[in-house]
Amino acid sequence: FFFQAEDGIRDAQESRGLGDVYKRQQMDSSNKIHVQIGYLDFDFGDSEINIQNVACYVSLNNKLLKKSGAADEDNSIAFSIVPNDKETLQIIFQDDTQNESLGSISFKGFQFQGLKPGVYSSWVSLHDDTDDDQYQKTIGETEHETPRVEIQFIINMENAKISRKQKTTTSEHRTESQSHTTHKQTSTQVHRTVTTHAVVSNQRLSSHEETHNS
């Protein structure tokens, strides 16, 4: 009887301990994470998309939080999300003039769990199906398939702001790259021309000296 009673007491204590752990887990999962997102750049591949016509719809658990223009100076939005598998953040991009969806991306609440306070930027690929568009990588990792958008996440830094400085559109990136290549090619051609002139001048000088000596 003594050992049975002792075992019973020990079991009850263990049960209360596990219950406390479970309650702590529930409390941890209910701690909301402050998130701010903004769009830095867009890459629609070969599609001719006017960024001025692109609208961004942000919803949390199917509730619209904000609609903004992709080209707006401030297209960011701040919200809080519970880090579990029930919370869903979804962003839909649409050409409002054509009433045409350009793609969407969604994030589960648990994908924000464990992120240290800071700024995370990553290119994410957009999906055609809004029911199957979950981001499959870790926030901060880059995807390369177009169409895609570069999103900046600010985690648990309420005073920080999305910065679009020193960011350019995809077309400007290409123009800058082409300009740099053209400048490099031009510099190389000029160098070759100068070198050629120098060689020709030396040849003429040598020929003149030989004629004079003769």
N, C-alpha and C. Protein backbone atom coordinates (compact mmCIF):
# COMPACT_ATOMS: atom_id res chain seq x y z
N PHE A 1 0.83 -1.20 0.00
CA PHE A 1 0.00 0.00 0.00
C PHE A 1 0.87 1.26 0.00
N PHE A 2 1.95 1.24 0.75
CA PHE A 2 2.84 2.40 0.84
C PHE A 2 3.42 2.76 -0.52
N PHE A 3 3.91 1.70 -1.23
CA PHE A 3 4.53 1.96 -2.52
C PHE A 3 3.49 2.41 -3.56
N GLN A 4 2.28 1.86 -3.43
CA GLN A 4 1.23 2.28 -4.35
C GLN A 4 0.91 3.76 -4.15
N ALA A 5 0.82 4.16 -2.89
CA ALA A 5 0.52 5.56 -2.59
C ALA A 5 1.66 6.45 -3.10
N GLU A 6 2.90 5.99 -2.86
CA GLU A 6 4.04 6.79 -3.32
C GLU A 6 4.04 6.92 -4.83
N ASP A 7 3.75 5.78 -5.50
CA ASP A 7 3.70 5.83 -6.96
C ASP A 7 2.61 6.77 -7.43
N GLY A 8 1.47 6.73 -6.74
CA GLY A 8 0.36 7.59 -7.13
C GLY A 8 0.71 9.05 -6.98
N ILE A 9 1.38 9.38 -5.89
CA ILE A 9 1.79 10.77 -5.67
C ILE A 9 2.79 11.21 -6.74
N ARG A 10 3.74 10.30 -7.03
CA ARG A 10 4.75 10.65 -8.03
C ARG A 10 4.10 10.87 -9.39
N ASP A 11 3.15 10.02 -9.75
CA ASP A 11 2.47 10.14 -11.04
C ASP A 11 1.71 11.46 -11.12
N ALA A 12 1.06 11.81 -10.00
CA ALA A 12 0.29 13.06 -10.01
C ALA A 12 1.21 14.26 -10.20
N GLN A 13 2.39 14.19 -9.54
CA GLN A 13 3.34 15.29 -9.68
C GLN A 13 3.85 15.39 -11.11
N GLU A 14 4.12 14.21 -11.72
CA GLU A 14 4.59 14.21 -13.10
C GLU A 14 3.53 14.76 -14.04
N SER A 15 2.27 14.43 -13.75
CA SER A 15 1.18 14.92 -14.58
C SER A 15 1.09 16.44 -14.51
N ARG A 16 1.23 16.97 -13.30
CA ARG A 16 1.17 18.43 -13.16
C ARG A 16 2.35 19.08 -13.88
N GLY A 17 3.52 18.43 -13.83
CA GLY A 17 4.69 18.97 -14.52
C GLY A 17 4.48 19.03 -16.02
N LEU A 18 3.96 17.96 -16.61
CA LEU A 18 3.71 17.93 -18.04
C LEU A 18 2.65 18.96 -18.41
N GLY A 19 1.66 19.11 -17.52
CA GLY A 19 0.62 20.10 -17.78
C GLY A 19 1.19 21.50 -17.82
N ASP A 20 2.13 21.78 -16.91
CA ASP A 20 2.75 23.09 -16.89
C ASP A 20 3.55 23.34 -18.16
N VAL A 21 4.26 22.29 -18.62
CA VAL A 21 5.02 22.42 -19.87
C VAL A 21 4.09 22.72 -21.02
N TYR A 22 2.96 21.99 -21.06
CA TYR A 22 1.99 22.19 -22.15
C TYR A 22 1.42 23.60 -22.12
N LYS A 23 1.14 24.10 -20.91
CA LYS A 23 0.61 25.46 -20.78
C LYS A 23 1.64 26.48 -21.24
N ARG A 24 2.93 26.23 -20.89
CA ARG A 24 3.98 27.15 -21.32
C ARG A 24 4.09 27.16 -22.83
N GLN A 25 3.96 25.98 -23.45
CA GLN A 25 4.03 25.90 -24.91
C GLN A 25 2.90 26.69 -25.54
N GLN A 26 1.69 26.57 -24.92
CA GLN A 26 0.55 27.32 -25.43
C GLN A 26 0.81 28.82 -25.33
N MET A 27 1.37 29.25 -24.20
CA MET A 27 1.65 30.66 -24.02
C MET A 27 2.69 31.14 -25.01
N ASP A 28 3.74 30.31 -25.25
CA ASP A 28 4.78 30.69 -26.19
C ASP A 28 4.21 30.84 -27.59
N SER A 29 3.33 29.91 -28.00
CA SER A 29 2.80 29.93 -29.35
C SER A 29 1.81 31.07 -29.55
N SER A 30 1.28 31.61 -28.44
CA SER A 30 0.31 32.69 -28.55
C SER A 30 0.98 34.06 -28.50
N ASN A 31 2.27 34.10 -28.21
CA ASN A 31 2.99 35.38 -28.20
C ASN A 31 3.09 35.89 -29.63
N LYS A 32 2.46 37.01 -29.88
CA LYS A 32 2.44 37.51 -31.25
C LYS A 32 3.77 38.14 -31.63
N ILE A 33 4.10 38.01 -32.90
CA ILE A 33 5.33 38.58 -33.44
C ILE A 33 4.96 39.80 -34.27
N HIS A 34 5.64 40.90 -33.99
CA HIS A 34 5.39 42.13 -34.75
C HIS A 34 6.16 42.06 -36.06
N VAL A 35 5.44 42.21 -37.16
CA VAL A 35 6.04 42.09 -38.49
C VAL A 35 5.70 43.33 -39.32
N GLN A 36 6.66 43.80 -40.05
CA GLN A 36 6.43 44.87 -41.03
C GLN A 36 6.99 44.39 -42.37
N ILE A 37 6.20 44.52 -43.42
CA ILE A 37 6.66 44.08 -44.73
C ILE A 37 6.54 45.22 -45.74
N GLY A 38 7.40 45.18 -46.74
CA GLY A 38 7.35 46.15 -47.82
C GLY A 38 7.96 45.52 -49.06
N TYR A 39 7.66 46.07 -50.21
CA TYR A 39 8.13 45.51 -51.48
C TYR A 39 9.23 46.41 -52.04
N LEU A 40 10.38 45.82 -52.27
CA LEU A 40 11.54 46.58 -52.73
C LEU A 40 11.69 46.59 -54.24
N ASP A 41 11.38 45.47 -54.87
CA ASP A 41 11.62 45.35 -56.30
C ASP A 41 10.74 44.25 -56.88
N PHE A 42 10.55 44.30 -58.20
CA PHE A 42 9.71 43.32 -58.88
C PHE A 42 10.42 42.80 -60.12
N ASP A 43 10.17 41.54 -60.44
CA ASP A 43 10.75 40.91 -61.62
C ASP A 43 9.67 40.04 -62.26
N PHE A 44 9.07 40.55 -63.33
CA PHE A 44 8.01 39.82 -64.02
C PHE A 44 8.53 39.09 -65.25
N GLY A 45 9.83 38.87 -65.32
CA GLY A 45 10.40 38.14 -66.43
C GLY A 45 10.26 38.91 -67.73
N ASP A 46 9.78 38.23 -68.76
CA ASP A 46 9.62 38.84 -70.08
C ASP A 46 8.28 39.55 -70.24
N SER A 47 7.43 39.48 -69.22
CA SER A 47 6.11 40.12 -69.31
C SER A 47 6.26 41.63 -69.25
N GLU A 48 5.50 42.31 -70.10
CA GLU A 48 5.52 43.77 -70.11
C GLU A 48 4.48 44.27 -69.10
N ILE A 49 4.91 44.47 -67.88
CA ILE A 49 4.03 44.91 -66.81
C ILE A 49 4.40 46.33 -66.38
N ASN A 50 3.41 47.20 -66.40
CA ASN A 50 3.62 48.57 -65.92
C ASN A 50 3.45 48.57 -64.41
N ILE A 51 4.54 48.82 -63.70
CA ILE A 51 4.52 48.72 -62.25
C ILE A 51 3.52 49.71 -61.63
N GLN A 52 3.21 50.78 -62.36
CA GLN A 52 2.26 51.77 -61.86
C GLN A 52 0.85 51.18 -61.74
N ASN A 53 0.58 50.10 -62.46
CA ASN A 53 -0.75 49.50 -62.45
C ASN A 53 -0.89 48.34 -61.48
N VAL A 54 0.21 47.98 -60.81
CA VAL A 54 0.21 46.80 -59.94
C VAL A 54 -0.28 47.18 -58.54
N ALA A 55 -1.28 46.45 -58.07
CA ALA A 55 -1.80 46.65 -56.71
C ALA A 55 -1.45 45.43 -55.85
N CYS A 56 -1.19 45.68 -54.58
CA CYS A 56 -0.81 44.62 -53.64
C CYS A 56 -1.89 44.51 -52.56
N TYR A 57 -2.45 43.31 -52.42
CA TYR A 57 -3.49 43.06 -51.43
C TYR A 57 -2.91 42.16 -50.33
N VAL A 58 -2.87 42.67 -49.11
CA VAL A 58 -2.33 41.90 -47.98
C VAL A 58 -3.48 41.49 -47.07
N SER A 59 -3.56 40.20 -46.79
CA SER A 59 -4.61 39.71 -45.91
C SER A 59 -4.02 38.78 -44.86
N LEU A 60 -4.64 38.78 -43.70
CA LEU A 60 -4.25 37.90 -42.60
C LEU A 60 -5.47 37.09 -42.21
N ASN A 61 -5.35 35.77 -42.37
CA ASN A 61 -6.48 34.86 -42.10
C ASN A 61 -7.71 35.27 -42.90
N ASN A 62 -7.49 35.56 -44.20
CA ASN A 62 -8.56 35.91 -45.15
C ASN A 62 -9.22 37.25 -44.87
N LYS A 63 -8.62 38.05 -44.01
CA LYS A 63 -9.14 39.39 -43.73
C LYS A 63 -8.18 40.41 -44.33
N LEU A 64 -8.70 41.25 -45.23
CA LEU A 64 -7.86 42.22 -45.91
C LEU A 64 -7.32 43.25 -44.92
N LEU A 65 -6.00 43.40 -44.91
CA LEU A 65 -5.36 44.38 -44.03
C LEU A 65 -5.08 45.69 -44.76
N LYS A 66 -4.63 45.56 -45.99
CA LYS A 66 -4.26 46.77 -46.73
C LYS A 66 -4.15 46.49 -48.22
N LYS A 67 -4.55 47.48 -48.99
CA LYS A 67 -4.29 47.49 -50.43
C LYS A 67 -3.38 48.67 -50.72
N SER A 68 -2.31 48.43 -51.45
CA SER A 68 -1.40 49.51 -51.79
C SER A 68 -0.90 49.34 -53.21
N GLY A 69 -0.37 50.41 -53.77
CA GLY A 69 0.22 50.34 -55.10
C GLY A 69 1.67 49.92 -55.01
N ALA A 70 2.09 49.05 -55.92
CA ALA A 70 3.48 48.57 -55.89
C ALA A 70 4.47 49.71 -56.04
N ALA A 71 4.07 50.75 -56.75
CA ALA A 71 4.97 51.88 -56.99
C ALA A 71 4.85 52.95 -55.93
N ASP A 72 3.98 52.76 -54.95
CA ASP A 72 3.83 53.76 -53.89
C ASP A 72 5.14 53.95 -53.13
N GLU A 73 5.40 55.17 -52.72
CA GLU A 73 6.62 55.45 -51.96
C GLU A 73 6.64 54.66 -50.66
N ASP A 74 5.46 54.55 -50.04
CA ASP A 74 5.33 53.75 -48.82
C ASP A 74 4.28 52.67 -49.06
N ASN A 75 4.74 51.49 -49.43
CA ASN A 75 3.81 50.38 -49.66
C ASN A 75 3.89 49.35 -48.54
N SER A 76 4.44 49.76 -47.40
CA SER A 76 4.64 48.82 -46.30
C SER A 76 3.40 48.71 -45.43
N ILE A 77 3.36 47.66 -44.64
CA ILE A 77 2.27 47.45 -43.69
C ILE A 77 2.82 46.73 -42.47
N ALA A 78 2.34 47.11 -41.30
CA ALA A 78 2.76 46.48 -40.05
C ALA A 78 1.58 45.73 -39.44
N PHE A 79 1.86 44.59 -38.83
CA PHE A 79 0.81 43.78 -38.21
C PHE A 79 1.46 42.83 -37.23
N SER A 80 0.64 42.10 -36.51
CA SER A 80 1.14 41.07 -35.58
C SER A 80 0.58 39.73 -35.99
N ILE A 81 1.40 38.70 -35.85
CA ILE A 81 1.00 37.36 -36.26
C ILE A 81 1.38 36.36 -35.18
N VAL A 82 0.52 35.37 -34.97
CA VAL A 82 0.79 34.33 -34.00
C VAL A 82 1.63 33.25 -34.69
N PRO A 83 2.76 32.84 -34.10
CA PRO A 83 3.63 31.87 -34.74
C PRO A 83 3.13 30.43 -34.64
N ASN A 84 2.05 30.12 -35.34
CA ASN A 84 1.53 28.76 -35.37
C ASN A 84 1.15 28.40 -36.80
N ASP A 85 0.57 27.21 -36.98
CA ASP A 85 0.23 26.76 -38.33
C ASP A 85 -1.17 27.18 -38.77
N LYS A 86 -1.87 27.94 -37.92
CA LYS A 86 -3.22 28.37 -38.27
C LYS A 86 -3.23 29.76 -38.89
N GLU A 87 -2.32 30.61 -38.44
CA GLU A 87 -2.25 31.97 -38.97
C GLU A 87 -1.67 31.94 -40.38
N THR A 88 -2.29 32.66 -41.31
CA THR A 88 -1.81 32.69 -42.68
C THR A 88 -1.79 34.12 -43.20
N LEU A 89 -0.60 34.55 -43.61
CA LEU A 89 -0.43 35.84 -44.26
C LEU A 89 -0.38 35.60 -45.76
N GLN A 90 -1.20 36.31 -46.51
CA GLN A 90 -1.22 36.13 -47.97
C GLN A 90 -1.13 37.48 -48.67
N ILE A 91 -0.31 37.53 -49.71
CA ILE A 91 -0.15 38.75 -50.51
C ILE A 91 -0.49 38.41 -51.96
N ILE A 92 -1.44 39.14 -52.52
CA ILE A 92 -1.86 38.94 -53.91
C ILE A 92 -1.51 40.18 -54.71
N PHE A 93 -0.88 39.97 -55.86
CA PHE A 93 -0.49 41.07 -56.74
C PHE A 93 -1.39 41.02 -57.98
N GLN A 94 -1.90 42.18 -58.34
CA GLN A 94 -2.88 42.21 -59.43
C GLN A 94 -2.69 43.46 -60.28
N ASP A 95 -2.90 43.28 -61.58
CA ASP A 95 -2.91 44.41 -62.51
C ASP A 95 -4.34 44.95 -62.50
N ASP A 96 -4.54 46.06 -61.82
CA ASP A 96 -5.89 46.58 -61.64
C ASP A 96 -6.52 47.07 -62.93
N THR A 97 -5.70 47.53 -63.87
CA THR A 97 -6.26 48.03 -65.12
C THR A 97 -6.83 46.90 -65.97
N GLN A 98 -6.21 45.71 -65.86
CA GLN A 98 -6.66 44.55 -66.62
C GLN A 98 -7.48 43.58 -65.77
N ASN A 99 -7.58 43.89 -64.46
CA ASN A 99 -8.24 42.99 -63.52
C ASN A 99 -7.67 41.58 -63.64
N GLU A 100 -6.34 41.53 -63.69
CA GLU A 100 -5.63 40.26 -63.92
C GLU A 100 -4.68 39.98 -62.77
N SER A 101 -4.75 38.77 -62.23
CA SER A 101 -3.86 38.38 -61.15
C SER A 101 -2.45 38.13 -61.70
N LEU A 102 -1.46 38.66 -61.00
CA LEU A 102 -0.06 38.47 -61.40
C LEU A 102 0.62 37.39 -60.56
N GLY A 103 -0.08 36.91 -59.53
CA GLY A 103 0.48 35.87 -58.67
C GLY A 103 0.27 36.20 -57.21
N SER A 104 0.54 35.22 -56.37
CA SER A 104 0.37 35.41 -54.93
C SER A 104 1.41 34.59 -54.17
N ILE A 105 1.54 34.91 -52.89
CA ILE A 105 2.45 34.18 -52.00
C ILE A 105 1.86 34.23 -50.60
N SER A 106 2.00 33.13 -49.87
CA SER A 106 1.47 33.11 -48.50
C SER A 106 2.53 32.55 -47.55
N PHE A 107 2.42 32.97 -46.29
CA PHE A 107 3.34 32.56 -45.24
C PHE A 107 2.52 32.09 -44.05
N LYS A 108 2.93 30.98 -43.45
CA LYS A 108 2.30 30.49 -42.23
C LYS A 108 2.94 31.17 -41.02
N GLY A 109 2.15 31.31 -39.96
CA GLY A 109 2.65 31.98 -38.77
C GLY A 109 3.91 31.35 -38.21
N PHE A 110 3.99 30.01 -38.27
CA PHE A 110 5.15 29.34 -37.67
C PHE A 110 6.44 29.64 -38.41
N GLN A 111 6.34 30.15 -39.66
CA GLN A 111 7.55 30.47 -40.41
C GLN A 111 8.26 31.71 -39.84
N PHE A 112 7.56 32.46 -38.99
CA PHE A 112 8.17 33.63 -38.36
C PHE A 112 8.74 33.29 -36.98
N GLN A 113 8.47 32.08 -36.52
CA GLN A 113 8.92 31.68 -35.20
C GLN A 113 10.44 31.47 -35.20
N GLY A 114 11.09 31.95 -34.16
CA GLY A 114 12.54 31.76 -34.04
C GLY A 114 13.37 32.80 -34.76
N LEU A 115 12.71 33.70 -35.51
CA LEU A 115 13.48 34.75 -36.19
C LEU A 115 13.91 35.80 -35.17
N LYS A 116 15.17 36.14 -35.20
CA LYS A 116 15.66 37.17 -34.29
C LYS A 116 15.22 38.54 -34.78
N PRO A 117 15.05 39.49 -33.86
CA PRO A 117 14.70 40.85 -34.29
C PRO A 117 15.71 41.36 -35.30
N GLY A 118 15.21 41.85 -36.41
CA GLY A 118 16.11 42.33 -37.45
C GLY A 118 15.39 42.51 -38.77
N VAL A 119 16.17 42.74 -39.81
CA VAL A 119 15.64 42.99 -41.15
C VAL A 119 16.04 41.84 -42.06
N TYR A 120 15.06 41.28 -42.75
CA TYR A 120 15.28 40.16 -43.66
C TYR A 120 14.74 40.55 -45.04
N SER A 121 15.55 40.38 -46.06
CA SER A 121 15.11 40.66 -47.42
C SER A 121 15.31 39.43 -48.29
N SER A 122 14.33 39.13 -49.12
CA SER A 122 14.46 37.96 -49.99
C SER A 122 13.54 38.08 -51.19
N TRP A 123 13.99 37.51 -52.30
CA TRP A 123 13.15 37.39 -53.50
C TRP A 123 12.28 36.15 -53.34
N VAL A 124 10.98 36.31 -53.52
CA VAL A 124 10.07 35.17 -53.42
C VAL A 124 9.30 35.04 -54.73
N SER A 125 9.15 33.80 -55.19
CA SER A 125 8.42 33.54 -56.43
C SER A 125 6.93 33.54 -56.18
N LEU A 126 6.18 34.08 -57.13
CA LEU A 126 4.73 34.15 -57.02
C LEU A 126 4.09 32.92 -57.67
N HIS A 127 2.92 32.55 -57.17
CA HIS A 127 2.22 31.36 -57.65
C HIS A 127 0.91 31.74 -58.35
N ASP A 128 0.47 30.86 -59.24
CA ASP A 128 -0.78 31.10 -59.97
C ASP A 128 -2.01 30.75 -59.13
N ASP A 129 -1.88 29.76 -58.27
CA ASP A 129 -3.00 29.26 -57.49
C ASP A 129 -2.96 29.83 -56.08
N THR A 130 -3.95 30.64 -55.72
CA THR A 130 -3.99 31.25 -54.39
C THR A 130 -4.23 30.23 -53.28
N ASP A 131 -4.69 29.04 -53.65
CA ASP A 131 -4.92 27.98 -52.67
C ASP A 131 -3.69 27.10 -52.47
N ASP A 132 -2.68 27.33 -53.27
CA ASP A 132 -1.46 26.53 -53.17
C ASP A 132 -0.26 27.43 -53.47
N ASP A 133 -0.02 28.38 -52.57
CA ASP A 133 1.03 29.37 -52.83
C ASP A 133 1.95 29.60 -51.63
N GLN A 134 2.05 28.58 -50.76
CA GLN A 134 2.86 28.78 -49.55
C GLN A 134 4.35 28.85 -49.88
N TYR A 135 5.02 29.78 -49.25
CA TYR A 135 6.46 29.94 -49.37
C TYR A 135 7.14 28.74 -48.72
N GLN A 136 8.02 28.07 -49.47
CA GLN A 136 8.59 26.80 -49.02
C GLN A 136 9.99 26.94 -48.44
N LYS A 137 10.52 28.14 -48.42
CA LYS A 137 11.87 28.32 -47.90
C LYS A 137 11.84 29.04 -46.56
N THR A 138 13.02 29.22 -45.99
CA THR A 138 13.14 30.00 -44.77
C THR A 138 13.15 31.47 -45.12
N ILE A 139 12.45 32.28 -44.34
CA ILE A 139 12.39 33.71 -44.61
C ILE A 139 13.81 34.28 -44.63
N GLY A 140 14.12 34.95 -45.72
CA GLY A 140 15.47 35.46 -45.92
C GLY A 140 16.18 34.76 -47.07
N GLU A 141 15.66 33.59 -47.48
CA GLU A 141 16.25 32.86 -48.61
C GLU A 141 15.64 33.37 -49.92
N THR A 142 16.39 33.22 -51.00
CA THR A 142 15.98 33.75 -52.30
C THR A 142 15.48 32.66 -53.23
N GLU A 143 14.43 32.99 -53.98
CA GLU A 143 13.92 32.15 -55.05
C GLU A 143 14.16 32.87 -56.38
N HIS A 144 14.36 32.09 -57.44
CA HIS A 144 14.77 32.68 -58.72
C HIS A 144 13.70 32.62 -59.81
N GLU A 145 12.70 31.80 -59.63
CA GLU A 145 11.69 31.65 -60.68
C GLU A 145 10.80 32.89 -60.76
N THR A 146 10.57 33.39 -61.98
CA THR A 146 9.70 34.55 -62.17
C THR A 146 8.28 34.08 -62.50
N PRO A 147 7.30 34.95 -62.20
CA PRO A 147 7.42 36.28 -61.60
C PRO A 147 7.81 36.19 -60.13
N ARG A 148 8.48 37.20 -59.66
CA ARG A 148 8.91 37.20 -58.27
C ARG A 148 8.97 38.64 -57.74
N VAL A 149 9.00 38.76 -56.45
CA VAL A 149 9.04 40.07 -55.81
C VAL A 149 10.04 40.04 -54.67
N GLU A 150 10.76 41.13 -54.49
CA GLU A 150 11.70 41.23 -53.38
C GLU A 150 10.97 41.87 -52.19
N ILE A 151 10.83 41.10 -51.13
CA ILE A 151 10.10 41.56 -49.95
C ILE A 151 11.07 41.77 -48.80
N GLN A 152 10.85 42.85 -48.08
CA GLN A 152 11.65 43.10 -46.88
C GLN A 152 10.76 42.88 -45.65
N PHE A 153 11.27 42.07 -44.72
CA PHE A 153 10.57 41.78 -43.47
C PHE A 153 11.33 42.43 -42.33
N ILE A 154 10.62 43.17 -41.50
CA ILE A 154 11.21 43.70 -40.27
C ILE A 154 10.53 43.00 -39.10
N ILE A 155 11.31 42.27 -38.32
CA ILE A 155 10.77 41.43 -37.25
C ILE A 155 11.03 42.06 -35.88
N ASN A 156 9.94 42.28 -35.14
CA ASN A 156 10.02 42.78 -33.76
C ASN A 156 10.91 44.01 -33.61
N MET A 157 10.77 44.94 -34.53
CA MET A 157 11.48 46.22 -34.46
C MET A 157 10.46 47.30 -34.82
N GLU A 158 9.66 47.68 -33.86
CA GLU A 158 8.51 48.54 -34.12
C GLU A 158 8.89 49.93 -34.60
N ASN A 159 10.08 50.40 -34.27
CA ASN A 159 10.48 51.74 -34.66
C ASN A 159 11.20 51.78 -36.01
N ALA A 160 11.50 50.61 -36.54
CA ALA A 160 12.20 50.56 -37.83
C ALA A 160 11.22 50.77 -38.97
N LYS A 161 11.75 51.23 -40.11
CA LYS A 161 10.91 51.46 -41.27
C LYS A 161 11.52 50.80 -42.50
N ILE A 162 10.63 50.38 -43.41
CA ILE A 162 11.08 49.80 -44.67
C ILE A 162 11.82 50.87 -45.45
N SER A 163 12.98 50.52 -45.97
CA SER A 163 13.78 51.46 -46.76
C SER A 163 13.87 50.98 -48.19
N ARG A 164 13.42 51.85 -49.11
CA ARG A 164 13.52 51.52 -50.53
C ARG A 164 14.64 52.30 -51.19
N LYS A 165 15.50 52.95 -50.38
CA LYS A 165 16.61 53.70 -50.93
C LYS A 165 17.61 52.75 -51.59
N GLN A 166 18.24 53.26 -52.65
CA GLN A 166 19.26 52.51 -53.38
C GLN A 166 18.69 51.26 -54.02
N LYS A 167 17.33 51.23 -54.16
CA LYS A 167 16.70 50.13 -54.85
C LYS A 167 16.17 50.63 -56.18
N THR A 168 16.32 49.83 -57.22
CA THR A 168 15.83 50.22 -58.53
C THR A 168 14.96 49.13 -59.08
N THR A 169 14.24 49.46 -60.15
CA THR A 169 13.39 48.45 -60.78
C THR A 169 14.24 47.48 -61.57
N THR A 170 13.64 46.37 -61.95
CA THR A 170 14.39 45.36 -62.70
C THR A 170 14.90 45.93 -64.01
N SER A 171 14.06 46.73 -64.69
CA SER A 171 14.48 47.30 -65.97
C SER A 171 15.68 48.21 -65.79
N GLU A 172 15.71 48.96 -64.66
CA GLU A 172 16.84 49.85 -64.40
C GLU A 172 18.09 49.06 -64.10
N HIS A 173 17.92 47.91 -63.40
CA HIS A 173 19.08 47.03 -63.15
C HIS A 173 19.69 46.60 -64.47
N ARG A 174 18.80 46.19 -65.41
CA ARG A 174 19.29 45.72 -66.71
C ARG A 174 19.97 46.85 -67.46
N THR A 175 19.37 48.07 -67.42
CA THR A 175 19.94 49.23 -68.11
C THR A 175 21.32 49.56 -67.56
N GLU A 176 21.43 49.54 -66.20
CA GLU A 176 22.71 49.83 -65.57
C GLU A 176 23.74 48.79 -65.97
N SER A 177 23.33 47.54 -66.02
CA SER A 177 24.25 46.46 -66.37
C SER A 177 24.72 46.62 -67.81
N GLN A 178 23.74 46.93 -68.71
CA GLN A 178 24.09 47.11 -70.11
C GLN A 178 25.01 48.32 -70.28
N SER A 179 24.71 49.41 -69.55
CA SER A 179 25.53 50.63 -69.62
C SER A 179 26.95 50.35 -69.16
N HIS A 180 27.07 49.57 -68.06
CA HIS A 180 28.39 49.23 -67.53
C HIS A 180 29.17 48.40 -68.55
N THR A 181 28.47 47.45 -69.20
CA THR A 181 29.12 46.59 -70.20
C THR A 181 29.58 47.42 -71.39
N THR A 182 28.69 48.34 -71.86
CA THR A 182 29.02 49.20 -73.00
C THR A 182 30.22 50.09 -72.68
N HIS A 183 30.22 50.66 -71.47
CA HIS A 183 31.34 51.53 -71.05
C HIS A 183 32.64 50.75 -71.01
N LYS A 184 32.54 49.50 -70.52
CA LYS A 184 33.74 48.67 -70.43
C LYS A 184 34.26 48.34 -71.83
N GLN A 185 33.31 48.03 -72.75
CA GLN A 185 33.71 47.70 -74.11
C GLN A 185 34.34 48.92 -74.79
N THR A 186 33.74 50.11 -74.57
CA THR A 186 34.25 51.34 -75.16
C THR A 186 35.65 51.65 -74.64
N SER A 187 35.85 51.47 -73.33
CA SER A 187 37.16 51.71 -72.73
C SER A 187 38.21 50.78 -73.33
N THR A 188 37.82 49.52 -73.54
CA THR A 188 38.74 48.54 -74.13
C THR A 188 39.10 48.92 -75.56
N GLN A 189 38.08 49.38 -76.33
CA GLN A 189 38.33 49.78 -77.71
C GLN A 189 39.26 50.99 -77.76
N VAL A 190 39.03 51.96 -76.85
CA VAL A 190 39.89 53.15 -76.81
C VAL A 190 41.32 52.76 -76.48
N HIS A 191 41.47 51.84 -75.52
CA HIS A 191 42.81 51.39 -75.13
C HIS A 191 43.50 50.72 -76.32
N ARG A 192 42.73 49.89 -77.05
CA ARG A 192 43.32 49.22 -78.22
C ARG A 192 43.72 50.24 -79.27
N THR A 193 42.88 51.26 -79.48
CA THR A 193 43.17 52.29 -80.48
C THR A 193 44.43 53.05 -80.12
N VAL A 194 44.56 53.44 -78.85
CA VAL A 194 45.75 54.16 -78.39
C VAL A 194 47.00 53.31 -78.57
N THR A 195 46.86 52.03 -78.23
CA THR A 195 48.00 51.11 -78.37
C THR A 195 48.41 50.99 -79.83
N THR A 196 47.40 50.89 -80.73
CA THR A 196 47.67 50.77 -82.17
C THR A 196 48.39 52.01 -82.68
N HIS A 197 47.91 53.20 -82.27
CA HIS A 197 48.55 54.46 -82.68
C HIS A 197 50.00 54.50 -82.21
N ALA A 198 50.24 54.02 -81.02
CA ALA A 198 51.60 54.04 -80.47
C ALA A 198 52.52 53.13 -81.29
N VAL A 199 52.02 51.95 -81.66
CA VAL A 199 52.81 51.01 -82.46
C VAL A 199 53.13 51.60 -83.82
N VAL A 200 52.10 52.20 -84.47
CA VAL A 200 52.30 52.80 -85.80
C VAL A 200 53.31 53.93 -85.71
N SER A 201 53.23 54.76 -84.68
CA SER A 201 54.16 55.88 -84.51
C SER A 201 55.59 55.38 -84.34
N ASN A 202 55.77 54.32 -83.58
CA ASN A 202 57.11 53.75 -83.37
C ASN A 202 57.67 53.20 -84.67
N GLN A 203 56.79 52.55 -85.45
CA GLN A 203 57.24 52.00 -86.73
C GLN A 203 57.70 53.12 -87.67
N ARG A 204 56.90 54.21 -87.71
CA ARG A 204 57.26 55.33 -88.57
C ARG A 204 58.58 55.96 -88.13
N LEU A 205 58.76 56.08 -86.83
CA LEU A 205 59.98 56.67 -86.30
C LEU A 205 61.18 55.81 -86.66
N SER A 206 61.06 54.51 -86.52
CA SER A 206 62.15 53.61 -86.85
C SER A 206 62.48 53.69 -88.33
N SER A 207 61.43 53.75 -89.18
CA SER A 207 61.64 53.84 -90.63
C SER A 207 62.35 55.14 -90.98
N HIS A 208 61.98 56.23 -90.33
CA HIS A 208 62.60 57.54 -90.60
C HIS A 208 64.07 57.54 -90.19
N GLU A 209 64.38 56.91 -89.06
CA GLU A 209 65.76 56.86 -88.60
C GLU A 209 66.61 56.02 -89.55
N GLU A 210 66.07 54.92 -90.04
CA GLU A 210 66.82 54.07 -90.98
C GLU A 210 67.11 54.84 -92.25
N THR A 211 66.09 55.62 -92.78
CA THR A 211 66.28 56.38 -94.02
C THR A 211 67.34 57.46 -93.81
N HIS A 212 67.32 58.08 -92.67
CA HIS A 212 68.26 59.16 -92.37
C HIS A 212 69.70 58.61 -92.28
N ASN A 213 69.83 57.46 -91.67
CA ASN A 213 71.17 56.84 -91.53
C ASN A 213 71.72 56.40 -92.86
N SER A 214 70.82 56.00 -93.77
CA SER A 214 71.27 55.59 -95.08
C SER A 214 71.78 56.78 -95.86
